[in-house]
C-alpha atoms as a PDB file:
ATOM      1  CA  MET A   1     -62.065  63.428 -45.549  1.00  0.00           C
ATOM      2  CA  LYS A   2     -65.434  61.762 -44.712  1.00  0.00           C
ATOM      3  CA  LYS A   3     -64.724  58.304 -46.215  1.00  0.00           C
ATOM      4  CA  PRO A   4     -61.536  57.714 -43.812  1.00  0.00           C
ATOM      5  CA  ILE A   5     -63.609  58.752 -40.704  1.00  0.00           C
ATOM      6  CA  ALA A   6     -66.508  56.468 -41.890  1.00  0.00           C
ATOM      7  CA  SER A   7     -64.136  53.718 -42.362  1.00  0.00           C
ATOM      8  CA  PHE A   8     -62.677  54.293 -38.754  1.00  0.00           C
ATOM      9  CA  ILE A   9     -65.990  54.111 -37.393  1.00  0.00           C
ATOM     10  CA  LEU A  10     -67.258  51.148 -39.225  1.00  0.00           C
ATOM     11  CA  LEU A  11     -63.915  49.344 -38.059  1.00  0.00           C
ATOM     12  CA  LEU A  12     -64.512  50.220 -34.438  1.00  0.00           C
ATOM     13  CA  CYS A  13     -68.105  49.116 -34.681  1.00  0.00           C
ATOM     14  CA  LEU A  14     -66.950  45.621 -36.216  1.00  0.00           C
ATOM     15  CA  ILE A  15     -64.512  44.974 -33.498  1.00  0.00           C
ATOM     16  CA  PHE A  16     -67.069  45.591 -30.806  1.00  0.00           C
ATOM     17  CA  LEU A  17     -69.363  43.331 -32.845  1.00  0.00           C
ATOM     18  CA  ALA A  18     -66.924  40.767 -33.264  1.00  0.00           C
ATOM     19  CA  VAL A  19     -66.348  40.528 -29.545  1.00  0.00           C
ATOM     20  CA  GLN A  20     -70.132  40.236 -28.937  1.00  0.00           C
ATOM     21  CA  GLY A  21     -70.533  37.570 -31.620  1.00  0.00           C
ATOM     22  CA  TYR A  22     -72.752  39.543 -33.305  1.00  0.00           C
ATOM     23  CA  ALA A  23     -74.360  38.863 -37.099  1.00  0.00           C
ATOM     24  CA  GLU A  24     -75.716  41.536 -39.470  1.00  0.00           C
ATOM     25  CA  GLU A  25     -77.349  41.731 -42.545  1.00  0.00           C
ATOM     26  CA  PHE A  26     -75.791  43.327 -45.596  1.00  0.00           C
ATOM     27  CA  ARG A  27     -76.713  43.978 -49.300  1.00  0.00           C
ATOM     28  CA  TYR A  28     -74.685  42.184 -51.664  1.00  0.00           C
ATOM     29  CA  LEU A  29     -73.592  44.151 -54.590  1.00  0.00           C
ATOM     30  CA  ARG A  30     -71.142  42.339 -57.124  1.00  0.00           C
ATOM     31  CA  PRO A  31     -68.707  39.424 -56.719  1.00  0.00           C
ATOM     32  CA  LYS A  32     -64.790  39.806 -56.977  1.00  0.00           C
ATOM     33  CA  ASP A  33     -63.946  36.044 -57.048  1.00  0.00           C
ATOM     34  CA  GLY A  34     -65.135  32.764 -55.068  1.00  0.00           C
ATOM     35  CA  ASP A  35     -64.110  34.202 -51.494  1.00  0.00           C
ATOM     36  CA  SER A  36     -64.612  38.091 -51.640  1.00  0.00           C
ATOM     37  CA  PHE A  37     -67.049  40.293 -52.783  1.00  0.00           C
ATOM     38  CA  SER A  38     -68.452  43.892 -52.673  1.00  0.00           C
ATOM     39  CA  ILE A  39     -71.410  44.685 -50.042  1.00  0.00           C
ATOM     40  CA  ARG A  40     -73.122  47.663 -48.797  1.00  0.00           C
ATOM     41  CA  LEU A  41     -73.079  47.490 -44.939  1.00  0.00           C
ATOM     42  CA  ARG A  42     -74.382  50.572 -42.731  1.00  0.00           C
ATOM     43  CA  GLY A  43     -74.200  52.761 -45.804  1.00  0.00           C
ATOM     44  CA  LEU A  44     -70.750  52.215 -47.037  1.00  0.00           C
ATOM     45  CA  ASP A  45     -69.471  50.075 -50.034  1.00  0.00           C
ATOM     46  CA  ILE A  46     -67.059  47.693 -48.747  1.00  0.00           C
ATOM     47  CA  ASP A  47     -65.337  44.410 -49.751  1.00  0.00           C
ATOM     48  CA  LEU A  48     -65.742  41.290 -47.812  1.00  0.00           C
ATOM     49  CA  ARG A  49     -63.590  38.306 -47.615  1.00  0.00           C
ATOM     50  CA  LEU A  50     -64.785  34.712 -46.430  1.00  0.00           C
ATOM     51  CA  ILE A  51     -63.193  33.498 -43.486  1.00  0.00           C
ATOM     52  CA  SER A  52     -61.271  29.997 -43.486  1.00  0.00           C
ATOM     53  CA  VAL A  53     -61.584  29.353 -47.393  1.00  0.00           C
ATOM     54  CA  ASP A  54     -59.245  30.274 -50.412  1.00  0.00           C
ATOM     55  CA  CYS A  55     -60.765  29.786 -53.633  1.00  0.00           C
ATOM     56  CA  PRO A  56     -58.794  29.599 -57.037  1.00  0.00           C
ATOM     57  CA  GLU A  57     -58.250  33.006 -58.366  1.00  0.00           C
ATOM     58  CA  TYR A  58     -60.175  34.178 -61.224  1.00  0.00           C
ATOM     59  CA  LYS A  59     -57.913  33.171 -63.981  1.00  0.00           C
ATOM     60  CA  GLN A  60     -57.136  29.873 -62.310  1.00  0.00           C
ATOM     61  CA  GLU A  61     -58.477  26.602 -62.700  1.00  0.00           C
ATOM     62  CA  PHE A  62     -62.030  26.492 -61.117  1.00  0.00           C
ATOM     63  CA  GLY A  63     -61.701  30.198 -60.357  1.00  0.00           C
ATOM     64  CA  GLN A  64     -64.813  31.492 -62.502  1.00  0.00           C
ATOM     65  CA  ALA A  65     -66.818  28.572 -61.234  1.00  0.00           C
ATOM     66  CA  ALA A  66     -66.293  29.562 -57.778  1.00  0.00           C
ATOM     67  CA  ARG A  67     -66.716  32.974 -58.500  1.00  0.00           C
ATOM     68  CA  LYS A  68     -70.324  31.971 -60.106  1.00  0.00           C
ATOM     69  CA  PHE A  69     -71.234  29.872 -57.372  1.00  0.00           C
ATOM     70  CA  THR A  70     -70.841  32.586 -54.712  1.00  0.00           C
ATOM     71  CA  ASP A  71     -72.525  35.187 -56.944  1.00  0.00           C
ATOM     72  CA  GLU A  72     -75.555  32.810 -57.554  1.00  0.00           C
ATOM     73  CA  TRP A  73     -75.677  32.017 -53.807  1.00  0.00           C
ATOM     74  CA  LEU A  74     -75.709  35.508 -52.872  1.00  0.00           C
ATOM     75  CA  ARG A  75     -78.451  36.579 -54.914  1.00  0.00           C
ATOM     76  CA  ARG A  76     -80.769  33.884 -53.583  1.00  0.00           C
ATOM     77  CA  GLY A  77     -81.884  36.009 -50.642  1.00  0.00           C
ATOM     78  CA  PRO A  78     -80.831  38.117 -47.597  1.00  0.00           C
ATOM     79  CA  ALA A  79     -77.512  36.924 -45.961  1.00  0.00           C
ATOM     80  CA  TYR A  80     -75.811  37.895 -42.721  1.00  0.00           C
ATOM     81  CA  ILE A  81     -72.167  38.228 -41.998  1.00  0.00           C
ATOM     82  CA  GLU A  82     -70.953  36.837 -38.586  1.00  0.00           C
ATOM     83  CA  TYR A  83     -67.328  37.826 -37.252  1.00  0.00           C
ATOM     84  CA  ASP A  84     -64.586  36.258 -35.420  1.00  0.00           C
ATOM     85  CA  ASN A  85     -61.917  37.740 -33.678  1.00  0.00           C
ATOM     86  CA  THR A  86     -60.329  39.683 -36.261  1.00  0.00           C
ATOM     87  CA  THR A  87     -62.792  41.752 -38.410  1.00  0.00           C
ATOM     88  CA  GLN A  88     -60.161  43.017 -41.232  1.00  0.00           C
ATOM     89  CA  ASP A  89     -57.468  41.760 -43.113  1.00  0.00           C
ATOM     90  CA  ARG A  90     -54.303  43.580 -44.299  1.00  0.00           C
ATOM     91  CA  TYR A  91     -55.995  44.354 -47.479  1.00  0.00           C
ATOM     92  CA  LYS A  92     -58.856  46.391 -45.368  1.00  0.00           C
ATOM     93  CA  ARG A  93     -61.507  43.859 -46.372  1.00  0.00           C
ATOM     94  CA  VAL A  94     -64.185  42.712 -43.858  1.00  0.00           C
ATOM     95  CA  LEU A  95     -63.683  39.373 -42.685  1.00  0.00           C
ATOM     96  CA  GLY A  96     -66.550  37.025 -41.983  1.00  0.00           C
ATOM     97  CA  TYR A  97     -68.764  34.017 -42.322  1.00  0.00           C
ATOM     98  CA  VAL A  98     -71.526  34.488 -44.293  1.00  0.00           C
ATOM     99  CA  TRP A  99     -75.299  32.996 -43.671  1.00  0.00           C
ATOM    100  CA  ARG A 100     -78.484  32.509 -45.163  1.00  0.00           C
ATOM    101  CA  GLY A 101     -80.721  30.761 -42.872  1.00  0.00           C
ATOM    102  CA  LYS A 102     -78.948  27.797 -41.251  1.00  0.00           C
ATOM    103  CA  GLU A 103     -76.875  27.748 -44.467  1.00  0.00           C
ATOM    104  CA  MET A 104     -73.029  29.153 -44.454  1.00  0.00           C
ATOM    105  CA  LEU A 105     -71.581  30.202 -47.361  1.00  0.00           C
ATOM    106  CA  ASN A 106     -68.064  29.446 -46.358  1.00  0.00           C
ATOM    107  CA  ILE A 107     -68.960  25.695 -45.812  1.00  0.00           C
ATOM    108  CA  GLU A 108     -71.254  25.349 -49.030  1.00  0.00           C
ATOM    109  CA  LEU A 109     -68.194  26.850 -51.328  1.00  0.00           C
ATOM    110  CA  THR A 110     -65.968  24.238 -49.576  1.00  0.00           C
ATOM    111  CA  ARG A 111     -68.544  21.272 -49.631  1.00  0.00           C
ATOM    112  CA  ARG A 112     -69.008  21.475 -53.345  1.00  0.00           C
ATOM    113  CA  GLY A 113     -65.247  21.752 -53.807  1.00  0.00           C
ATOM    114  CA  TYR A 114     -64.590  25.406 -54.796  1.00  0.00           C
ATOM    115  CA  CYS A 115     -62.016  26.125 -52.604  1.00  0.00           C
ATOM    116  CA  ILE A 116     -59.593  24.997 -49.910  1.00  0.00           C
ATOM    117  CA  SER A 117     -59.825  25.292 -46.254  1.00  0.00           C
ATOM    118  CA  ALA A 118     -57.445  27.926 -44.866  1.00  0.00           C
ATOM    119  CA  TYR A 119     -56.471  27.843 -41.119  1.00  0.00           C
ATOM    120  CA  TYR A 120     -55.552  31.233 -39.480  1.00  0.00           C
ATOM    121  CA  SER A 121     -55.099  31.287 -35.636  1.00  0.00           C
ATOM    122  CA  ASP A 122     -57.283  34.335 -35.181  1.00  0.00           C
ATOM    123  CA  THR A 123     -60.172  33.178 -36.991  1.00  0.00           C
ATOM    124  CA  HIS A 124     -61.232  29.777 -36.904  1.00  0.00           C
ATOM    125  CA  LYS A 125     -64.651  29.362 -35.207  1.00  0.00           C
ATOM    126  CA  TYR A 126     -65.980  27.262 -37.891  1.00  0.00           C
ATOM    127  CA  PHE A 127     -62.636  26.064 -39.075  1.00  0.00           C
ATOM    128  CA  ASP A 128     -63.524  22.402 -37.902  1.00  0.00           C
ATOM    129  CA  GLU A 129     -66.861  22.276 -40.018  1.00  0.00           C
ATOM    130  CA  ILE A 130     -65.104  23.800 -42.922  1.00  0.00           C
ATOM    131  CA  LYS A 131     -62.478  21.259 -43.022  1.00  0.00           C
ATOM    132  CA  LYS A 132     -65.043  18.342 -42.575  1.00  0.00           C
ATOM    133  CA  ALA A 133     -66.754  19.779 -45.507  1.00  0.00           C
ATOM    134  CA  GLU A 134     -63.173  19.844 -47.596  1.00  0.00           C
ATOM    135  CA  LYS A 135     -62.584  15.971 -46.778  1.00  0.00           C
ATOM    136  CA  GLN A 136     -66.409  15.237 -47.829  1.00  0.00           C
ATOM    137  CA  ALA A 137     -65.673  17.119 -51.272  1.00  0.00           C
ATOM    138  CA  LYS A 138     -62.186  15.151 -51.622  1.00  0.00           C
ATOM    139  CA  LEU A 139     -63.894  11.951 -50.918  1.00  0.00           C
ATOM    140  CA  ASN A 140     -66.786  12.571 -53.520  1.00  0.00           C
ATOM    141  CA  LYS A 141     -64.125  14.363 -56.110  1.00  0.00           C
ATOM    142  CA  LEU A 142     -66.173  17.222 -56.348  1.00  0.00           C
ATOM    143  CA  GLY A 143     -65.107  20.551 -58.036  1.00  0.00           C
ATOM    144  CA  ILE A 144     -60.994  21.126 -57.682  1.00  0.00           C
ATOM    145  CA  TRP A 145     -60.829  17.707 -56.350  1.00  0.00           C
ATOM    146  CA  LYS A 146     -62.383  15.738 -59.291  1.00  0.00           C
ATOM    147  CA  ASN A 147     -58.736  15.414 -60.680  1.00  0.00           C
ATOM    148  CA  GLY A 148     -56.981  15.281 -57.034  1.00  0.00           C
ATOM    149  CA  GLY A 149     -56.497  19.012 -56.715  1.00  0.00           C
ATOM    150  CA  LEU A 150     -55.443  22.020 -58.269  1.00  0.00           C
ATOM    151  CA  LYS A 151     -52.091  22.518 -59.921  1.00  0.00           C
ATOM    152  CA  MET A 152     -51.110  25.180 -57.590  1.00  0.00           C
ATOM    153  CA  THR A 153     -53.093  26.373 -54.540  1.00  0.00           C
ATOM    154  CA  PRO A 154     -54.489  29.649 -54.531  1.00  0.00           C
ATOM    155  CA  SER A 155     -51.803  30.989 -52.405  1.00  0.00           C
ATOM    156  CA  GLU A 156     -49.392  29.556 -54.851  1.00  0.00           C
ATOM    157  CA  PHE A 157     -50.841  31.025 -57.861  1.00  0.00           C
ATOM    158  CA  ARG A 158     -50.992  34.498 -56.437  1.00  0.00           C
ATOM    159  CA  LYS A 159     -47.251  34.187 -55.399  1.00  0.00           C
ATOM    160  CA  ALA A 160     -46.105  33.207 -58.829  1.00  0.00           C
ATOM    161  CA  LYS A 161     -48.566  35.961 -60.540  1.00  0.00           C
ATOM    162  CA  ARG A 162     -46.551  38.710 -58.068  1.00  0.00           C
ATOM    163  CA  HIS A 163     -43.024  36.978 -59.036  1.00  0.00           C
ATOM    164  CA  LYS A 164     -43.885  37.119 -62.636  1.00  0.00           C
ATOM    165  CA  LYS A 165     -44.500  40.829 -62.566  1.00  0.00           C
ATOM    166  CA  LYS A 166     -41.389  41.645 -60.693  1.00  0.00           C
ATOM    167  CA  SER A 167     -39.297  39.658 -63.244  1.00  0.00           C
ATOM    168  CA  LYS A 168     -40.770  41.650 -65.972  1.00  0.00           C
ATOM    169  CA  LYS A 169     -39.545  44.993 -64.429  1.00  0.00           C
END
């Protein structure tokens, strides 16, 4: 019973902080994939999803490389989460831009070609900068852009995986 109440209180706090344009420090726990990972925030273990980027899935080409980059980046020192208009996704993951000093993980992943940019109308504060980093990675043929891009976008990969599971039933 305590966990749902604590989660609800955390959600209310996040909504308030998003409106205020606030950033707060968290403790990194472990990676999930390139664009999501587990953190400890205000005493709760939660999952965080980076805004405006979509990394390949773990079993997709470049998925493990994206996950490794994120894990190594987060282990290099304290990081902060900055919120946008929406603070949680439909999977109850906290949404944010992650900073260490003046460096943003969302942009660094994109600049190195570990993800594609993803525009959502309710979370787009830094989308122009992320899109610019993506164009640079494409131009320099980095990461997923080495051979012109992925065979399937991460979204298409997830959809194909869901479809495959349904057809097996």
